[in-house]
Amino acid sequence: METVMFIGRILFAVMFVLSGVNHFTQAEAMTGYAQHKSVPSPKLANLASGAILLVGGLSVILGVFADLGALVVSILLVIMAVLMHDFWKQSEPQAKQMEMIGFLKNISMAGGGLFMFAVMSLEFSSYGPAITDSLFKTSL
């Protein structure tokens, strides 16, 4: 089962690593989009969220305080869902649908990340190869 958990960690987090890299390599375009969405300090927000996605994703994949990485990425996903995918503000049906899909994708992945955080934090949990132990340890 540890192999399955490890594969699951990789599949869950690889998108965050790639997205984090894109926040830096496509910084101008992503900052413009954040500005369009009225995100405060769009350039700083883009770079900070890119760093969080990159570090959080690598944390989950490599098992370096992977529980903390999953938690932080989950929190960021909820924030990004609300700020970047405001389907409730859209009047055009196609734009509303696209924003709702983005919103639900982020919320769903945040739920998966919270589940991963909880499993990784259990005393008896083994979630595959890891460089460090979980930062948070708890029993049921």
C-alpha atoms as a PDB file:
ATOM      1  CA  MET A   1       0.000   0.000   0.000  1.00  0.00           C
ATOM      2  CA  GLU A   2       2.967   2.320   0.555  1.00  0.00           C
ATOM      3  CA  THR A   3       3.710   2.210  -3.178  1.00  0.00           C
ATOM      4  CA  VAL A   4       0.135   3.223  -3.960  1.00  0.00           C
ATOM      5  CA  MET A   5       0.364   6.093  -1.464  1.00  0.00           C
ATOM      6  CA  PHE A   6       3.643   7.244  -3.006  1.00  0.00           C
ATOM      7  CA  ILE A   7       2.200   7.153  -6.538  1.00  0.00           C
ATOM      8  CA  GLY A   8      -0.849   9.042  -5.246  1.00  0.00           C
ATOM      9  CA  ARG A   9       1.387  11.713  -3.707  1.00  0.00           C
ATOM     10  CA  ILE A  10       3.199  12.163  -7.012  1.00  0.00           C
ATOM     11  CA  LEU A  11      -0.007  12.305  -9.067  1.00  0.00           C
ATOM     12  CA  PHE A  12      -1.555  14.782  -6.621  1.00  0.00           C
ATOM     13  CA  ALA A  13       1.439  17.106  -6.389  1.00  0.00           C
ATOM     14  CA  VAL A  14       3.087  17.123  -9.818  1.00  0.00           C
ATOM     15  CA  MET A  15       0.521  19.652 -11.043  1.00  0.00           C
ATOM     16  CA  PHE A  16       1.479  22.028  -8.221  1.00  0.00           C
ATOM     17  CA  VAL A  17       5.175  21.759  -9.053  1.00  0.00           C
ATOM     18  CA  LEU A  18       4.532  22.483 -12.739  1.00  0.00           C
ATOM     19  CA  SER A  19       2.100  25.281 -11.923  1.00  0.00           C
ATOM     20  CA  GLY A  20       4.587  26.811  -9.492  1.00  0.00           C
ATOM     21  CA  VAL A  21       7.254  26.817 -12.207  1.00  0.00           C
ATOM     22  CA  ASN A  22       4.763  28.438 -14.606  1.00  0.00           C
ATOM     23  CA  HIS A  23       4.124  31.216 -12.091  1.00  0.00           C
ATOM     24  CA  PHE A  24       7.766  32.196 -12.583  1.00  0.00           C
ATOM     25  CA  THR A  25       8.306  31.415 -16.277  1.00  0.00           C
ATOM     26  CA  GLN A  26       4.995  33.036 -17.283  1.00  0.00           C
ATOM     27  CA  ALA A  27       5.108  35.720 -14.583  1.00  0.00           C
ATOM     28  CA  GLU A  28       4.048  38.634 -16.775  1.00  0.00           C
ATOM     29  CA  ALA A  29       0.959  36.916 -18.176  1.00  0.00           C
ATOM     30  CA  MET A  30      -0.037  35.458 -14.814  1.00  0.00           C
ATOM     31  CA  THR A  31       0.431  38.824 -13.104  1.00  0.00           C
ATOM     32  CA  GLY A  32      -1.782  40.409 -15.749  1.00  0.00           C
ATOM     33  CA  TYR A  33      -4.486  37.832 -15.133  1.00  0.00           C
ATOM     34  CA  ALA A  34      -4.259  38.368 -11.364  1.00  0.00           C
ATOM     35  CA  GLN A  35      -4.529  42.109 -11.962  1.00  0.00           C
ATOM     36  CA  HIS A  36      -7.599  41.513 -14.173  1.00  0.00           C
ATOM     37  CA  LYS A  37      -9.139  39.554 -11.280  1.00  0.00           C
ATOM     38  CA  SER A  38      -8.413  42.485  -8.892  1.00  0.00           C
ATOM     39  CA  VAL A  39      -5.993  40.494  -6.754  1.00  0.00           C
ATOM     40  CA  PRO A  40      -4.144  42.842  -4.386  1.00  0.00           C
ATOM     41  CA  SER A  41      -0.427  43.232  -5.260  1.00  0.00           C
ATOM     42  CA  PRO A  42      -0.782  40.956  -8.300  1.00  0.00           C
ATOM     43  CA  LYS A  43       2.943  40.589  -9.041  1.00  0.00           C
ATOM     44  CA  LEU A  44       3.792  39.710  -5.443  1.00  0.00           C
ATOM     45  CA  ALA A  45       0.728  37.449  -5.182  1.00  0.00           C
ATOM     46  CA  ASN A  46       1.772  35.597  -8.350  1.00  0.00           C
ATOM     47  CA  LEU A  47       5.351  35.071  -7.176  1.00  0.00           C
ATOM     48  CA  ALA A  48       4.312  34.106  -3.627  1.00  0.00           C
ATOM     49  CA  SER A  49       1.660  31.659  -4.804  1.00  0.00           C
ATOM     50  CA  GLY A  50       4.125  30.192  -7.309  1.00  0.00           C
ATOM     51  CA  ALA A  51       6.671  29.624  -4.546  1.00  0.00           C
ATOM     52  CA  ILE A  52       4.048  28.054  -2.284  1.00  0.00           C
ATOM     53  CA  LEU A  53       2.839  25.730  -5.050  1.00  0.00           C
ATOM     54  CA  LEU A  54       6.377  24.713  -5.999  1.00  0.00           C
ATOM     55  CA  VAL A  55       7.627  24.129  -2.447  1.00  0.00           C
ATOM     56  CA  GLY A  56       4.357  22.547  -1.286  1.00  0.00           C
ATOM     57  CA  GLY A  57       4.263  20.185  -4.261  1.00  0.00           C
ATOM     58  CA  LEU A  58       7.889  19.147  -3.802  1.00  0.00           C
ATOM     59  CA  SER A  59       7.235  18.669  -0.087  1.00  0.00           C
ATOM     60  CA  VAL A  60       4.431  16.207  -0.813  1.00  0.00           C
ATOM     61  CA  ILE A  61       6.359  14.324  -3.505  1.00  0.00           C
ATOM     62  CA  LEU A  62       9.660  14.092  -1.627  1.00  0.00           C
ATOM     63  CA  GLY A  63       8.132  13.553   1.799  1.00  0.00           C
ATOM     64  CA  VAL A  64       9.725  16.556   3.475  1.00  0.00           C
ATOM     65  CA  PHE A  65       7.109  17.444   6.084  1.00  0.00           C
ATOM     66  CA  ALA A  66       4.619  16.272   3.465  1.00  0.00           C
ATOM     67  CA  ASP A  67       1.690  16.776   5.819  1.00  0.00           C
ATOM     68  CA  LEU A  68       2.515  20.489   6.129  1.00  0.00           C
ATOM     69  CA  GLY A  69       3.009  20.745   2.357  1.00  0.00           C
ATOM     70  CA  ALA A  70      -0.419  19.206   1.717  1.00  0.00           C
ATOM     71  CA  LEU A  71      -2.042  21.535   4.268  1.00  0.00           C
ATOM     72  CA  VAL A  72      -0.442  24.699   2.878  1.00  0.00           C
ATOM     73  CA  VAL A  73      -1.295  23.813  -0.723  1.00  0.00           C
ATOM     74  CA  SER A  74      -4.890  23.099   0.343  1.00  0.00           C
ATOM     75  CA  ILE A  75      -5.244  26.479   2.028  1.00  0.00           C
ATOM     76  CA  LEU A  76      -3.802  28.218  -1.039  1.00  0.00           C
ATOM     77  CA  LEU A  77      -6.204  26.335  -3.311  1.00  0.00           C
ATOM     78  CA  VAL A  78      -9.220  27.613  -1.369  1.00  0.00           C
ATOM     79  CA  ILE A  79      -7.883  31.184  -1.471  1.00  0.00           C
ATOM     80  CA  MET A  80      -7.189  30.913  -5.196  1.00  0.00           C
ATOM     81  CA  ALA A  81     -10.620  29.416  -5.849  1.00  0.00           C
ATOM     82  CA  VAL A  82     -12.301  32.428  -4.259  1.00  0.00           C
ATOM     83  CA  LEU A  83     -10.022  35.104  -5.747  1.00  0.00           C
ATOM     84  CA  MET A  84      -9.428  33.708  -9.233  1.00  0.00           C
ATOM     85  CA  HIS A  85     -12.559  31.725 -10.088  1.00  0.00           C
ATOM     86  CA  ASP A  86     -15.396  34.073  -9.134  1.00  0.00           C
ATOM     87  CA  PHE A  87     -18.142  32.373 -11.137  1.00  0.00           C
ATOM     88  CA  TRP A  88     -20.781  34.211  -9.091  1.00  0.00           C
ATOM     89  CA  LYS A  89     -19.635  37.516 -10.638  1.00  0.00           C
ATOM     90  CA  GLN A  90     -19.878  36.309 -14.241  1.00  0.00           C
ATOM     91  CA  SER A  91     -22.919  37.164 -16.354  1.00  0.00           C
ATOM     92  CA  GLU A  92     -21.904  35.467 -19.610  1.00  0.00           C
ATOM     93  CA  PRO A  93     -22.886  31.759 -19.419  1.00  0.00           C
ATOM     94  CA  GLN A  94     -19.683  30.341 -20.939  1.00  0.00           C
ATOM     95  CA  ALA A  95     -17.441  32.461 -18.679  1.00  0.00           C
ATOM     96  CA  LYS A  96     -19.569  31.493 -15.676  1.00  0.00           C
ATOM     97  CA  GLN A  97     -19.233  27.806 -16.537  1.00  0.00           C
ATOM     98  CA  MET A  98     -15.447  28.014 -17.027  1.00  0.00           C
ATOM     99  CA  GLU A  99     -14.966  29.851 -13.725  1.00  0.00           C
ATOM    100  CA  MET A 100     -17.212  27.359 -11.927  1.00  0.00           C
ATOM    101  CA  ILE A 101     -15.149  24.462 -13.304  1.00  0.00           C
ATOM    102  CA  GLY A 102     -11.945  26.150 -12.073  1.00  0.00           C
ATOM    103  CA  PHE A 103     -13.526  26.883  -8.696  1.00  0.00           C
ATOM    104  CA  LEU A 104     -14.766  23.324  -8.199  1.00  0.00           C
ATOM    105  CA  LYS A 105     -11.421  21.868  -9.370  1.00  0.00           C
ATOM    106  CA  ASN A 106      -9.550  23.925  -6.785  1.00  0.00           C
ATOM    107  CA  ILE A 107     -12.019  23.118  -4.010  1.00  0.00           C
ATOM    108  CA  SER A 108     -11.932  19.412  -4.877  1.00  0.00           C
ATOM    109  CA  MET A 109      -8.123  19.334  -4.872  1.00  0.00           C
ATOM    110  CA  ALA A 110      -8.105  21.236  -1.566  1.00  0.00           C
ATOM    111  CA  GLY A 111     -10.316  18.491  -0.130  1.00  0.00           C
ATOM    112  CA  GLY A 112      -7.916  15.842  -1.423  1.00  0.00           C
ATOM    113  CA  GLY A 113      -5.010  17.734   0.118  1.00  0.00           C
ATOM    114  CA  LEU A 114      -6.771  17.969   3.474  1.00  0.00           C
ATOM    115  CA  PHE A 115      -7.468  14.237   3.354  1.00  0.00           C
ATOM    116  CA  MET A 116      -3.790  13.614   2.561  1.00  0.00           C
ATOM    117  CA  PHE A 117      -2.785  15.924   5.437  1.00  0.00           C
ATOM    118  CA  ALA A 118      -5.002  13.984   7.845  1.00  0.00           C
ATOM    119  CA  VAL A 119      -3.704  10.565   6.748  1.00  0.00           C
ATOM    120  CA  MET A 120      -0.075  11.674   6.882  1.00  0.00           C
ATOM    121  CA  SER A 121      -0.569  13.073  10.383  1.00  0.00           C
ATOM    122  CA  LEU A 122      -1.842   9.825  11.899  1.00  0.00           C
ATOM    123  CA  GLU A 123       0.593   8.149  14.311  1.00  0.00           C
ATOM    124  CA  PHE A 124       0.321   4.752  12.624  1.00  0.00           C
ATOM    125  CA  SER A 125       0.282   6.087   9.058  1.00  0.00           C
ATOM    126  CA  SER A 126       2.840   5.031   6.496  1.00  0.00           C
ATOM    127  CA  TYR A 127       2.479   6.928   3.248  1.00  0.00           C
ATOM    128  CA  GLY A 128       5.472   5.706   1.302  1.00  0.00           C
ATOM    129  CA  PRO A 129       9.088   6.799   1.142  1.00  0.00           C
ATOM    130  CA  ALA A 130       9.777  10.119   2.827  1.00  0.00           C
ATOM    131  CA  ILE A 131      12.817  12.198   3.712  1.00  0.00           C
ATOM    132  CA  THR A 132      11.336  13.396   7.016  1.00  0.00           C
ATOM    133  CA  ASP A 133       8.590  12.268   9.309  1.00  0.00           C
ATOM    134  CA  SER A 134       5.300  14.169   9.452  1.00  0.00           C
ATOM    135  CA  LEU A 135       5.400  17.472  11.294  1.00  0.00           C
ATOM    136  CA  PHE A 136       1.977  16.934  12.859  1.00  0.00           C
ATOM    137  CA  LYS A 137       1.414  13.617  14.614  1.00  0.00           C
ATOM    138  CA  THR A 138      -1.902  12.675  16.125  1.00  0.00           C
ATOM    139  CA  SER A 139      -3.898   9.614  16.984  1.00  0.00           C
ATOM    140  CA  LEU A 140      -7.480   8.923  16.067  1.00  0.00           C
END
